[in-house]
């Protein structure tokens, strides 16, 4: 996979997103277990570990998309490394409705508020999506996670 970089002062982060009844907000401590279980059910145990890190700080560095009390997606920042966006995911049947874009832009704005000028999207899966939505460009070297051996 490819790491990408995003300029957090990009005009693309200023566009207004249609909410469609979806609320993007931080995870609060009493619901951490619910979010971690949901991530494990819909994604991977590795992402559960990263999400746990994001939910273990106050305020949480994990954001969720909720509609009518239903969890539709999540996004984390500053988990595997500082200044990294991800992991992020949207429930399969909810994809294509702009929820991932809402989570992405909300998260990147929070990173800008933390004082970052740029953000790294680690191990970016949908490179075209990130390029189109926030102007992300590939980093021309080996991904940071390539050097980490997992204990699987």
Protein backbone atom coordinates (compact mmCIF):
# COMPACT_ATOMS: atom_id res chain seq x y z
CA UNK A 1 0.00 0.00 0.00
CA UNK A 2 0.93 3.64 -0.27
CA UNK A 3 1.22 6.37 2.34
CA UNK A 4 -0.19 9.74 1.25
CA UNK A 5 0.20 13.32 2.47
CA UNK A 6 -2.52 15.98 2.74
CA UNK A 7 -2.08 19.74 3.08
CA UNK A 8 -4.39 20.66 5.96
CA UNK A 9 -4.68 24.21 4.65
CA UNK A 10 -6.23 23.00 1.40
CA UNK A 11 -9.38 24.66 0.12
CA UNK A 12 -10.85 21.17 -0.28
CA UNK A 13 -11.23 20.93 3.49
CA UNK A 14 -13.44 24.01 3.50
CA UNK A 15 -16.23 22.63 1.34
CA UNK A 16 -19.59 22.22 3.01
CA UNK A 17 -20.78 18.65 3.37
CA UNK A 18 -24.37 17.60 3.27
CA UNK A 19 -25.05 15.77 6.52
CA UNK A 20 -28.10 13.71 5.45
CA UNK A 21 -29.02 13.21 9.10
CA UNK A 22 -25.58 11.80 9.93
CA UNK A 23 -23.81 13.19 12.99
CA UNK A 24 -20.01 13.04 13.19
CA UNK A 25 -18.74 13.20 16.77
CA UNK A 26 -16.05 11.94 19.13
CA UNK A 27 -16.43 8.65 20.94
CA UNK A 28 -17.12 9.14 24.67
CA UNK A 29 -15.69 6.70 27.25
CA UNK A 30 -18.96 4.88 28.17
CA UNK A 31 -19.42 3.75 24.55
CA UNK A 32 -15.82 2.69 23.85
CA UNK A 33 -16.67 -1.02 24.19
CA UNK A 34 -19.56 -0.68 21.73
CA UNK A 35 -17.36 1.02 19.13
CA UNK A 36 -14.53 -1.52 19.51
CA UNK A 37 -16.98 -4.42 19.15
CA UNK A 38 -18.49 -2.81 16.05
CA UNK A 39 -15.07 -2.27 14.44
CA UNK A 40 -14.19 -5.92 15.14
CA UNK A 41 -17.45 -7.12 13.60
CA UNK A 42 -17.17 -5.03 10.43
CA UNK A 43 -13.40 -4.74 9.92
CA UNK A 44 -10.34 -6.33 11.57
CA UNK A 45 -8.76 -7.06 14.93
CA UNK A 46 -5.76 -4.88 13.97
CA UNK A 47 -8.14 -1.98 13.49
CA UNK A 48 -9.73 -2.76 16.86
CA UNK A 49 -6.28 -2.33 18.44
CA UNK A 50 -5.73 1.02 16.72
CA UNK A 51 -9.25 2.18 17.58
CA UNK A 52 -8.63 1.21 21.21
CA UNK A 53 -5.59 3.51 21.26
CA UNK A 54 -7.66 6.36 19.77
CA UNK A 55 -10.44 5.81 22.33
CA UNK A 56 -8.02 5.67 25.27
CA UNK A 57 -7.17 9.37 25.29
CA UNK A 58 -9.37 12.22 26.46
CA UNK A 59 -10.83 13.65 24.37
CA UNK A 60 -10.89 10.58 22.13
CA UNK A 61 -9.09 10.63 18.80
CA UNK A 62 -11.80 8.40 17.35
CA UNK A 63 -14.77 9.88 15.55
CA UNK A 64 -17.97 8.08 14.67
CA UNK A 65 -20.77 8.62 12.19
CA UNK A 66 -24.18 8.04 13.77
CA UNK A 67 -27.69 8.25 12.34
CA UNK A 68 -30.77 7.48 14.42
CA UNK A 69 -28.55 5.93 17.14
CA UNK A 70 -27.00 3.53 14.60
CA UNK A 71 -23.21 3.43 14.16
CA UNK A 72 -22.38 3.79 10.45
CA UNK A 73 -18.64 4.44 10.41
CA UNK A 74 -15.54 5.51 12.29
CA UNK A 75 -12.24 7.30 11.77
CA UNK A 76 -9.15 7.57 13.97
CA UNK A 77 -6.25 9.98 14.15
CA UNK A 78 -2.88 9.85 15.91
CA UNK A 79 -3.02 6.11 16.58
CA UNK A 80 -0.21 4.10 14.96
CA UNK A 81 1.93 7.23 14.66
CA UNK A 82 1.36 10.89 15.51
CA UNK A 83 0.01 12.89 12.59
CA UNK A 84 -1.49 9.80 10.90
CA UNK A 85 -5.11 9.55 9.75
CA UNK A 86 -6.66 6.10 9.97
CA UNK A 87 -7.89 3.54 10.24
CA UNK A 88 -11.31 4.50 8.97
CA UNK A 89 -14.27 2.56 7.70
CA UNK A 90 -17.94 2.74 6.83
CA UNK A 91 -20.45 -0.08 7.18
CA UNK A 92 -20.59 -1.87 3.82
CA UNK A 93 -24.27 -1.19 3.09
CA UNK A 94 -23.82 2.53 3.89
CA UNK A 95 -20.91 3.17 1.51
CA UNK A 96 -21.27 5.58 -1.40
CA UNK A 97 -23.36 8.11 0.54
CA UNK A 98 -20.60 10.51 1.54
CA UNK A 99 -20.18 9.24 5.10
CA UNK A 100 -16.52 8.34 4.56
CA UNK A 101 -15.87 11.79 3.14
CA UNK A 102 -17.58 13.41 6.14
CA UNK A 103 -15.44 11.37 8.56
CA UNK A 104 -12.28 12.14 6.57
CA UNK A 105 -12.81 15.90 6.42
CA UNK A 106 -13.94 16.12 10.05
CA UNK A 107 -10.85 14.18 11.16
CA UNK A 108 -8.46 16.25 9.05
CA UNK A 109 -9.94 19.47 10.42
CA UNK A 110 -9.36 18.15 13.95
CA UNK A 111 -5.74 17.41 13.02
CA UNK A 112 -5.39 20.98 11.75
CA UNK A 113 -6.86 22.21 15.06
CA UNK A 114 -4.14 20.21 16.86
CA UNK A 115 -1.55 22.29 15.01
CA UNK A 116 -0.55 19.98 12.18
CA UNK A 117 0.12 21.56 8.78
CA UNK A 118 0.05 18.23 6.94
CA UNK A 119 -1.45 14.83 7.67
CA UNK A 120 -0.26 11.41 6.63
CA UNK A 121 -2.78 8.85 5.44
CA UNK A 122 -1.02 5.63 6.32
CA UNK A 123 -1.37 2.58 4.11
CA UNK A 124 -4.05 4.35 2.05
CA UNK A 125 -6.35 1.85 0.39
CA UNK A 126 -8.51 3.95 -1.96
CA UNK A 127 -5.77 6.25 -3.30
CA UNK A 128 -8.12 7.78 -5.91
CA UNK A 129 -10.69 8.63 -3.23
CA UNK A 130 -8.17 10.49 -1.07
CA UNK A 131 -6.71 12.30 -4.09
CA UNK A 132 -10.16 13.43 -5.28
CA UNK A 133 -11.67 14.37 -1.93
CA UNK A 134 -8.78 16.14 -0.16
CA UNK A 135 -5.97 16.47 -2.71
CA UNK A 136 -3.78 13.80 -1.06
CA UNK A 137 -0.66 12.80 -2.97
CA UNK A 138 1.40 9.61 -2.64
CA UNK A 139 4.62 9.78 -0.68
CA UNK A 140 7.36 8.44 -2.93
CA UNK A 141 9.06 6.04 -0.56
CA UNK A 142 8.25 2.88 1.35
CA UNK A 143 5.20 3.01 3.66
CA UNK A 144 6.03 3.50 7.35
CA UNK A 145 4.27 0.31 8.40
CA UNK A 146 6.38 -1.78 6.05
CA UNK A 147 9.10 -1.77 8.69
CA UNK A 148 6.90 -3.09 11.48
CA UNK A 149 6.61 -6.84 11.98
CA UNK A 150 3.27 -7.82 13.47
CA UNK A 151 3.09 -10.47 16.15
CA UNK A 152 0.49 -12.58 14.30
